[in-house]
Amino acid sequence: MFVGTGREHDRRYEPPDMILDAVGGTVIPGFVDPHTHLPFAGYREGEFDRRLAGESYSQIAGSGGGIVATVAATRRATSSELLQLTLHRLDRQLLCGTTTTEAKSGYGLNLETEIKQLQVLREAGQRHPVEIVPTAMPAHEVPEEWRHDPDGYVDVVVREIYPAIAAGCLAEQVDVFCERGVFTPDQTRRLLADAKHLGWRIHLHADELCDLGGASLAAETGAAAASHLLHASHEGIAAMAQAGVIAIALPGVSFFLRDRFAPVRDLVKAGVPVAVATDCNPGSSHTESMPAVIALACLGAGLSSEEALVAATLNAAAALGRADRLGSIEVGKQADLVVLDAPSPKHLVYHFGVNLVRHVVKAGEIVVRDGALQPH
């Protein structure tokens, strides 16, 4: 990437074949979404109405809704159906300025469907300009057929599902939902024990519904990042800061579930780098829009507009191990760029509720022009 004046460019290089008009706009790095659950089938809009009527996420899950409902739909979906759904969501991400996204399995909860989800992500990455960082998450929930023996399911994950995923080189990361009623800290330790041996970076769903010590556990296990953190303790936050764990705030979840926001000001004060993500999923944050969660990170969680932009770009890239080439506009980095139809990046928050993305460049190629996807 060259960064500088037009005169300096013309002195050093041949004139470009194509010029992208950014007059009156603002050029920022492409957004990096470090936490999503893209490859899923089925929707849960009925649960949304139940929450509006007063039921909690936990009550809905206890009645057969929640993650297990999406698991059933995803198990039924063919690979072709799942691929088309995933490509459609990637299109929406790209139109909103996302050029790199993490995406998890976790709606299979058995060997066949976990592999199916990750194979779909591999094919989607070959067919779509958005760069995908695949994460194995068979420990997203205890499937219904193992509710009588959660430790038995942990055995299946560690002894059967993880080795098959690793053998196929289908994941770069692993994630576990460490939460009350899902996986205990001890189960989580077992689920993460072989992660480094398998060559996977560790992410963790931590302290979303209660303080279960997830933030401290992320530090203990050498996690690259921990997400949610709504109930993270001061001790857990301090441990994350000391261990260099990146916090991934998910303000869309707080907004969607009408819950508290992650304590981002405490995290920043403690020296924990904060990233933001959509957590795109059908149950608790059904959005592909990074601009939307940037606005919520400011208006709900308390980040400044500058902090939120860094959280959605460079810090998010660091959470995925890609800060060396993504997340900022610098000489030598990949040309992942967004041109906003706005005079400053502050308009991402100030002019909320609309898509200000005019153009998107991924790896030097124009992939969105004047708000329209380009052939790829």
Protein backbone atom coordinates (compact mmCIF):
# COMPACT_ATOMS: atom_id res chain seq x y z
CA MET A 1 0.00 0.00 0.00
CA PHE A 2 1.19 3.54 -0.80
CA VAL A 3 0.08 6.33 1.54
CA GLY A 4 0.92 9.90 0.61
CA THR A 5 0.16 12.77 -1.73
CA GLY A 6 -0.98 12.34 -5.31
CA ARG A 7 2.10 14.18 -6.51
CA GLU A 8 4.42 11.80 -4.65
CA HIS A 9 2.52 8.79 -5.99
CA ASP A 10 2.79 10.01 -9.57
CA ARG A 11 6.52 10.61 -9.14
CA ARG A 12 7.12 7.04 -8.00
CA TYR A 13 4.49 5.01 -9.87
CA GLU A 14 2.64 4.78 -13.16
CA PRO A 15 -0.74 6.55 -13.25
CA PRO A 16 -3.49 4.24 -11.93
CA ASP A 17 -5.87 2.55 -14.34
CA MET A 18 -8.83 3.49 -12.19
CA ILE A 19 -9.51 6.29 -9.72
CA LEU A 20 -12.03 5.89 -6.92
CA ASP A 21 -13.72 9.17 -6.11
CA ALA A 22 -13.59 9.96 -2.40
CA VAL A 23 -14.16 13.71 -2.69
CA GLY A 24 -16.11 15.01 0.30
CA GLY A 25 -15.81 11.66 2.07
CA THR A 26 -13.58 10.01 4.62
CA VAL A 27 -11.24 7.07 4.10
CA ILE A 28 -10.93 4.64 7.01
CA PRO A 29 -9.63 1.06 7.37
CA GLY A 30 -11.99 -1.75 6.49
CA PHE A 31 -13.94 -2.95 9.50
CA VAL A 32 -12.84 -6.19 11.17
CA ASP A 33 -15.67 -8.10 12.87
CA PRO A 34 -13.98 -10.38 15.44
CA HIS A 35 -17.01 -12.31 16.72
CA THR A 36 -19.85 -13.76 14.61
CA HIS A 37 -21.85 -16.97 14.18
CA LEU A 38 -22.49 -16.66 10.45
CA PRO A 39 -23.13 -20.25 9.24
CA PHE A 40 -26.57 -20.95 10.66
CA ALA A 41 -30.02 -21.88 9.37
CA GLY A 42 -33.39 -20.83 10.73
CA TYR A 43 -34.52 -17.69 12.52
CA ARG A 44 -35.92 -17.04 16.00
CA GLU A 45 -38.09 -13.98 15.56
CA GLY A 46 -40.75 -15.61 17.73
CA GLU A 47 -38.33 -15.61 20.64
CA PHE A 48 -37.77 -11.90 20.06
CA ASP A 49 -41.47 -11.27 20.67
CA ARG A 50 -41.37 -13.43 23.79
CA ARG A 51 -38.55 -11.31 25.18
CA LEU A 52 -40.49 -8.15 24.40
CA ALA A 53 -43.30 -9.65 26.46
CA GLY A 54 -40.97 -10.12 29.41
CA GLU A 55 -39.38 -13.56 29.14
CA SER A 56 -35.65 -13.77 29.69
CA TYR A 57 -33.06 -15.36 27.41
CA SER A 58 -32.54 -18.08 30.05
CA GLN A 59 -36.28 -18.80 30.32
CA ILE A 60 -36.59 -19.17 26.55
CA ALA A 61 -33.56 -21.46 26.40
CA GLY A 62 -35.02 -23.57 29.21
CA SER A 63 -38.23 -24.10 27.23
CA GLY A 64 -36.45 -25.53 24.17
CA GLY A 65 -35.58 -22.28 22.45
CA GLY A 66 -32.27 -20.53 22.20
CA ILE A 67 -29.18 -22.14 20.74
CA VAL A 68 -30.69 -25.64 20.56
CA ALA A 69 -33.44 -24.36 18.24
CA THR A 70 -30.85 -23.08 15.79
CA VAL A 71 -28.89 -26.31 16.17
CA ALA A 72 -31.92 -28.29 14.98
CA ALA A 73 -32.38 -26.06 11.92
CA THR A 74 -28.67 -26.07 11.07
CA ARG A 75 -28.46 -29.85 11.33
CA ARG A 76 -31.36 -30.14 8.86
CA ALA A 77 -29.88 -27.68 6.35
CA THR A 78 -27.83 -28.99 3.45
CA SER A 79 -24.32 -27.69 2.84
CA SER A 80 -25.60 -25.86 -0.24
CA GLU A 81 -28.37 -24.16 1.72
CA LEU A 82 -25.97 -23.19 4.49
CA LEU A 83 -23.47 -21.82 1.97
CA GLN A 84 -26.05 -19.59 0.30
CA LEU A 85 -27.18 -18.23 3.66
CA THR A 86 -23.58 -17.52 4.66
CA LEU A 87 -22.72 -15.81 1.36
CA HIS A 88 -25.80 -13.61 1.72
CA ARG A 89 -24.68 -12.53 5.20
CA LEU A 90 -21.18 -11.84 3.90
CA ASP A 91 -22.70 -9.60 1.23
CA ARG A 92 -24.49 -7.62 3.94
CA GLN A 93 -21.29 -7.34 5.96
CA LEU A 94 -19.37 -6.09 2.94
CA LEU A 95 -21.99 -3.47 2.07
CA CYS A 96 -21.60 -2.19 5.65
CA GLY A 97 -17.81 -1.94 5.29
CA THR A 98 -16.61 -5.21 6.86
CA THR A 99 -13.61 -6.58 4.97
CA THR A 100 -12.53 -9.27 7.46
CA THR A 101 -14.75 -11.36 9.72
CA GLU A 102 -14.38 -14.09 12.27
CA ALA A 103 -17.04 -16.82 12.02
CA LYS A 104 -17.76 -19.70 14.39
CA SER A 105 -19.27 -23.13 14.11
CA GLY A 106 -21.28 -24.13 17.17
CA TYR A 107 -24.73 -24.74 15.73
CA GLY A 108 -23.91 -28.36 14.99
CA LEU A 109 -22.89 -29.77 18.37
CA ASN A 110 -22.07 -33.06 16.69
CA LEU A 111 -19.19 -34.13 14.48
CA GLU A 112 -21.09 -34.12 11.18
CA THR A 113 -22.64 -30.67 11.46
CA GLU A 114 -19.64 -28.95 13.05
CA ILE A 115 -17.55 -30.16 10.10
CA LYS A 116 -20.31 -29.07 7.71
CA GLN A 117 -20.34 -25.55 9.12
CA LEU A 118 -16.57 -25.16 8.92
CA GLN A 119 -16.42 -26.60 5.40
CA VAL A 120 -19.07 -24.07 4.38
CA LEU A 121 -16.91 -21.30 5.82
CA ARG A 122 -13.92 -22.56 3.84
CA GLU A 123 -15.89 -22.56 0.59
CA ALA A 124 -17.42 -19.17 1.36
CA GLY A 125 -13.94 -17.77 1.91
CA GLN A 126 -12.91 -19.01 -1.52
CA ARG A 127 -15.93 -17.45 -3.19
CA HIS A 128 -16.32 -14.14 -1.37
CA PRO A 129 -13.99 -11.13 -0.98
CA VAL A 130 -14.56 -10.84 2.77
CA GLU A 131 -11.67 -12.57 4.55
CA ILE A 132 -12.93 -15.22 6.98
CA VAL A 133 -11.20 -16.33 10.17
CA PRO A 134 -12.83 -19.69 11.07
CA THR A 135 -13.34 -20.64 14.71
CA ALA A 136 -14.30 -24.08 16.03
CA MET A 137 -16.99 -23.86 18.68
CA PRO A 138 -18.58 -27.27 19.29
CA ALA A 139 -18.63 -26.19 22.95
CA HIS A 140 -21.31 -23.56 22.31
CA GLU A 141 -23.94 -25.47 24.26
CA VAL A 142 -24.57 -28.97 25.58
CA PRO A 143 -26.77 -30.66 22.93
CA GLU A 144 -30.09 -32.09 24.04
CA GLU A 145 -28.93 -35.69 23.53
CA TRP A 146 -26.13 -35.09 26.07
CA ARG A 147 -28.02 -33.06 28.70
CA HIS A 148 -27.96 -36.10 30.99
CA ASP A 149 -24.14 -36.23 30.78
CA PRO A 150 -22.43 -32.90 30.01
CA ASP A 151 -19.00 -34.31 30.92
CA GLY A 152 -19.62 -37.05 28.38
CA TYR A 153 -20.18 -34.43 25.71
CA VAL A 154 -16.95 -32.71 26.73
CA ASP A 155 -15.22 -36.07 26.13
CA VAL A 156 -16.76 -36.29 22.65
CA VAL A 157 -15.60 -32.77 21.78
CA VAL A 158 -12.04 -33.34 22.99
CA ARG A 159 -11.56 -36.87 21.67
CA GLU A 160 -13.58 -36.84 18.43
CA ILE A 161 -14.70 -33.43 17.19
CA TYR A 162 -11.54 -31.39 17.82
CA PRO A 163 -9.19 -33.95 16.19
CA ALA A 164 -11.39 -34.16 13.08
CA ILE A 165 -11.50 -30.37 12.74
CA ALA A 166 -7.74 -30.15 13.20
CA ALA A 167 -7.09 -32.96 10.70
CA GLY A 168 -9.03 -31.03 8.07
CA CYS A 169 -7.28 -27.73 8.92
CA LEU A 170 -10.74 -26.19 9.20
CA ALA A 171 -10.18 -23.74 12.06
CA GLU A 172 -7.68 -21.14 13.23
CA GLN A 173 -9.27 -20.58 16.62
CA VAL A 174 -11.35 -22.32 19.27
CA ASP A 175 -14.05 -20.82 21.47
CA VAL A 176 -16.01 -22.09 24.49
CA PHE A 177 -19.16 -20.71 26.13
CA CYS A 178 -18.10 -20.66 29.76
CA GLU A 179 -21.30 -19.73 31.53
CA ARG A 180 -23.73 -20.83 34.20
CA GLY A 181 -25.84 -23.65 32.76
CA VAL A 182 -23.46 -24.20 29.83
CA PHE A 183 -19.81 -25.14 30.51
CA THR A 184 -18.20 -24.76 33.93
CA PRO A 185 -14.71 -23.32 34.41
CA ASP A 186 -13.31 -26.81 34.98
CA GLN A 187 -14.99 -28.14 31.83
CA THR A 188 -13.70 -25.12 29.95
CA ARG A 189 -10.14 -25.80 31.08
CA ARG A 190 -10.44 -29.32 29.72
CA LEU A 191 -11.93 -28.07 26.46
CA LEU A 192 -9.00 -25.67 26.00
CA ALA A 193 -6.18 -27.88 27.26
CA ASP A 194 -5.06 -29.01 23.80
CA ALA A 195 -5.82 -25.80 21.91
CA LYS A 196 -2.23 -24.61 21.57
CA HIS A 197 -1.09 -28.13 20.60
CA LEU A 198 -3.71 -28.10 17.84
CA GLY A 199 -2.40 -24.74 16.63
CA TRP A 200 -5.51 -22.77 17.62
CA ARG A 201 -5.76 -19.33 19.16
CA ILE A 202 -8.13 -19.26 22.12
CA HIS A 203 -11.23 -17.07 22.36
CA LEU A 204 -13.73 -17.33 25.19
CA HIS A 205 -17.37 -16.41 25.81
CA ALA A 206 -17.01 -15.09 29.36
CA ASP A 207 -19.11 -13.58 32.15
CA GLU A 208 -22.13 -12.77 30.00
CA LEU A 209 -24.92 -13.76 32.40
CA CYS A 210 -23.03 -13.78 35.70
CA ASP A 211 -19.54 -13.49 37.13
CA LEU A 212 -18.32 -17.06 36.75
CA GLY A 213 -14.68 -16.03 36.71
CA GLY A 214 -14.52 -16.13 32.93
CA ALA A 215 -12.31 -13.06 32.60
CA SER A 216 -9.73 -14.55 34.97
CA LEU A 217 -10.02 -17.89 33.17
CA ALA A 218 -9.28 -16.19 29.84
CA ALA A 219 -6.07 -14.85 31.35
CA GLU A 220 -5.20 -18.21 32.92
CA THR A 221 -5.64 -20.16 29.67
CA GLY A 222 -3.67 -17.73 27.51
CA ALA A 223 -6.69 -16.61 25.51
CA ALA A 224 -6.14 -14.04 22.80
CA ALA A 225 -9.57 -12.53 23.47
CA ALA A 226 -12.62 -12.80 25.69
CA SER A 227 -16.10 -11.70 24.60
CA HIS A 228 -19.23 -10.40 26.37
CA LEU A 229 -17.80 -9.63 29.87
CA LEU A 230 -20.96 -7.89 31.09
CA HIS A 231 -20.38 -9.22 34.60
CA ALA A 232 -16.58 -9.34 34.62
CA SER A 233 -15.10 -8.62 38.05
CA HIS A 234 -12.42 -6.05 38.77
CA GLU A 235 -10.07 -8.93 39.57
CA GLY A 236 -10.87 -10.57 36.23
CA ILE A 237 -10.31 -7.35 34.34
CA ALA A 238 -6.96 -6.85 36.08
CA ALA A 239 -5.95 -10.40 35.17
CA MET A 240 -6.86 -9.79 31.52
CA ALA A 241 -4.78 -6.61 31.49
CA GLN A 242 -1.76 -8.38 32.93
CA ALA A 243 -2.07 -11.31 30.51
CA GLY A 244 -2.69 -9.14 27.44
CA VAL A 245 -6.16 -10.53 26.70
CA ILE A 246 -8.22 -8.38 24.32
CA ALA A 247 -11.82 -7.68 25.36
CA ILE A 248 -14.43 -8.00 22.62
CA ALA A 249 -17.50 -5.95 23.52
CA LEU A 250 -20.77 -6.99 21.90
CA PRO A 251 -23.06 -3.97 22.31
CA GLY A 252 -25.57 -5.37 19.85
CA VAL A 253 -26.33 -8.17 22.31
CA SER A 254 -26.91 -5.73 25.15
CA PHE A 255 -29.23 -3.66 22.97
CA PHE A 256 -31.06 -6.66 21.50
CA LEU A 257 -31.59 -8.34 24.88
CA ARG A 258 -32.15 -5.04 26.72
CA ASP A 259 -29.35 -5.94 29.10
CA ARG A 260 -26.45 -4.05 30.65
CA PHE A 261 -23.43 -3.14 28.50
CA ALA A 262 -19.91 -4.41 29.02
CA PRO A 263 -17.86 -2.21 31.42
CA VAL A 264 -15.71 -0.78 28.64
CA ARG A 265 -14.58 2.24 30.65
CA ASP A 266 -13.28 -0.05 33.40
CA LEU A 267 -11.54 -2.18 30.78
CA VAL A 268 -9.91 0.81 29.11
CA LYS A 269 -8.85 2.27 32.47
CA ALA A 270 -7.25 -1.05 33.41
CA GLY A 271 -5.28 -1.13 30.16
CA VAL A 272 -7.26 -3.86 28.40
CA PRO A 273 -7.51 -3.28 24.63
CA VAL A 274 -11.18 -3.21 23.61
CA ALA A 275 -12.53 -4.46 20.30
CA VAL A 276 -16.17 -4.44 19.18
CA ALA A 277 -18.06 -7.01 17.13
CA THR A 278 -21.57 -7.68 15.86
CA ASP A 279 -21.94 -11.20 17.32
CA CYS A 280 -24.19 -11.75 14.28
CA ASN A 281 -26.49 -14.62 15.28
CA PRO A 282 -30.23 -15.38 15.12
CA GLY A 283 -30.97 -15.21 18.83
CA SER A 284 -29.23 -12.34 20.58
CA SER A 285 -27.81 -9.95 17.96
CA HIS A 286 -29.28 -10.35 14.51
CA THR A 287 -27.21 -7.81 12.59
CA GLU A 288 -24.30 -7.80 10.16
CA SER A 289 -23.65 -4.06 10.55
CA MET A 290 -20.43 -2.91 12.20
CA PRO A 291 -21.51 0.75 11.92
CA ALA A 292 -24.58 -0.11 14.02
CA VAL A 293 -22.52 -1.66 16.81
CA ILE A 294 -19.99 1.17 16.66
CA ALA A 295 -22.83 3.58 17.41
CA LEU A 296 -24.08 1.35 20.24
CA ALA A 297 -20.56 1.05 21.66
CA CYS A 298 -20.57 4.82 22.06
CA LEU A 299 -24.17 5.58 22.92
CA GLY A 300 -24.69 2.54 25.14
CA ALA A 301 -21.33 1.38 26.44
CA GLY A 302 -19.50 4.70 26.67
CA LEU A 303 -16.64 4.54 24.17
CA SER A 304 -15.66 7.73 22.39
CA SER A 305 -16.11 7.78 18.62
CA GLU A 306 -12.33 7.54 18.19
CA GLU A 307 -12.07 4.60 20.60
CA ALA A 308 -14.93 2.82 18.84
CA LEU A 309 -13.30 3.21 15.43
CA VAL A 310 -10.04 1.71 16.72
CA ALA A 311 -12.05 -1.04 18.43
CA ALA A 312 -13.71 -1.93 15.10
CA THR A 313 -10.47 -1.93 13.12
CA LEU A 314 -6.99 -2.26 14.64
CA ASN A 315 -7.97 -3.79 18.00
CA ALA A 316 -10.34 -6.18 16.26
CA ALA A 317 -7.56 -7.21 13.87
CA ALA A 318 -5.27 -7.80 16.87
CA ALA A 319 -7.90 -10.05 18.44
CA LEU A 320 -7.70 -12.22 15.32
CA GLY A 321 -3.91 -12.15 15.07
CA ARG A 322 -3.93 -9.97 11.96
CA ALA A 323 -2.86 -6.55 13.22
CA ASP A 324 0.42 -6.87 11.34
CA ARG A 325 -1.37 -6.44 8.01
CA LEU A 326 -4.93 -5.27 8.71
CA GLY A 327 -6.79 -2.70 10.78
CA SER A 328 -4.99 0.54 9.91
CA ILE A 329 -3.95 2.55 6.88
CA GLU A 330 -0.19 2.26 6.86
CA VAL A 331 2.60 1.75 4.36
CA GLY A 332 3.15 -1.98 3.92
CA LYS A 333 -0.29 -3.05 5.11
CA GLN A 334 -2.99 -4.57 2.95
CA ALA A 335 -5.23 -2.07 1.18
CA ASP A 336 -8.51 -2.78 2.98
CA LEU A 337 -10.32 0.55 2.86
CA VAL A 338 -13.77 2.04 3.34
CA VAL A 339 -14.84 5.38 1.89
CA LEU A 340 -17.59 6.94 3.97
CA ASP A 341 -20.12 9.35 2.50
CA ALA A 342 -19.37 11.69 5.41
CA PRO A 343 -16.86 14.43 6.20
CA SER A 344 -15.42 12.63 9.25
CA PRO A 345 -15.55 9.20 10.92
CA LYS A 346 -17.50 10.76 13.82
CA HIS A 347 -20.54 10.57 11.55
CA LEU A 348 -20.60 6.79 12.08
CA VAL A 349 -22.11 7.62 15.48
CA TYR A 350 -23.44 11.13 14.92
CA HIS A 351 -25.43 10.19 11.77
CA PHE A 352 -26.76 6.90 13.09
CA GLY A 353 -29.24 4.47 11.56
CA VAL A 354 -28.09 4.81 7.94
CA ASN A 355 -25.34 3.13 5.94
CA LEU A 356 -22.68 5.74 5.17
CA VAL A 357 -20.44 3.30 3.26
CA ARG A 358 -19.87 4.59 -0.28
CA HIS A 359 -17.00 2.40 -1.50
CA VAL A 360 -15.10 -0.62 -0.15
CA VAL A 361 -11.66 -1.83 -1.23
CA LYS A 362 -10.44 -5.30 -0.22
CA ALA A 363 -6.80 -6.22 -0.83
CA GLY A 364 -6.55 -3.43 -3.40
CA GLU A 365 -9.67 -4.48 -5.33
CA ILE A 366 -12.86 -2.39 -5.47
CA VAL A 367 -15.58 -4.67 -4.10
CA VAL A 368 -18.29 -2.08 -3.33
CA ARG A 369 -18.70 0.99 -5.51
CA ASP A 370 -21.31 3.70 -4.90
CA GLY A 371 -23.04 1.44 -2.40
CA ALA A 372 -23.33 -1.52 -4.81
CA LEU A 373 -21.55 -4.87 -4.70
CA GLN A 374 -19.11 -5.38 -7.58
CA PRO A 375 -18.82 -8.70 -9.46
CA HIS A 376 -16.34 -11.10 -7.93
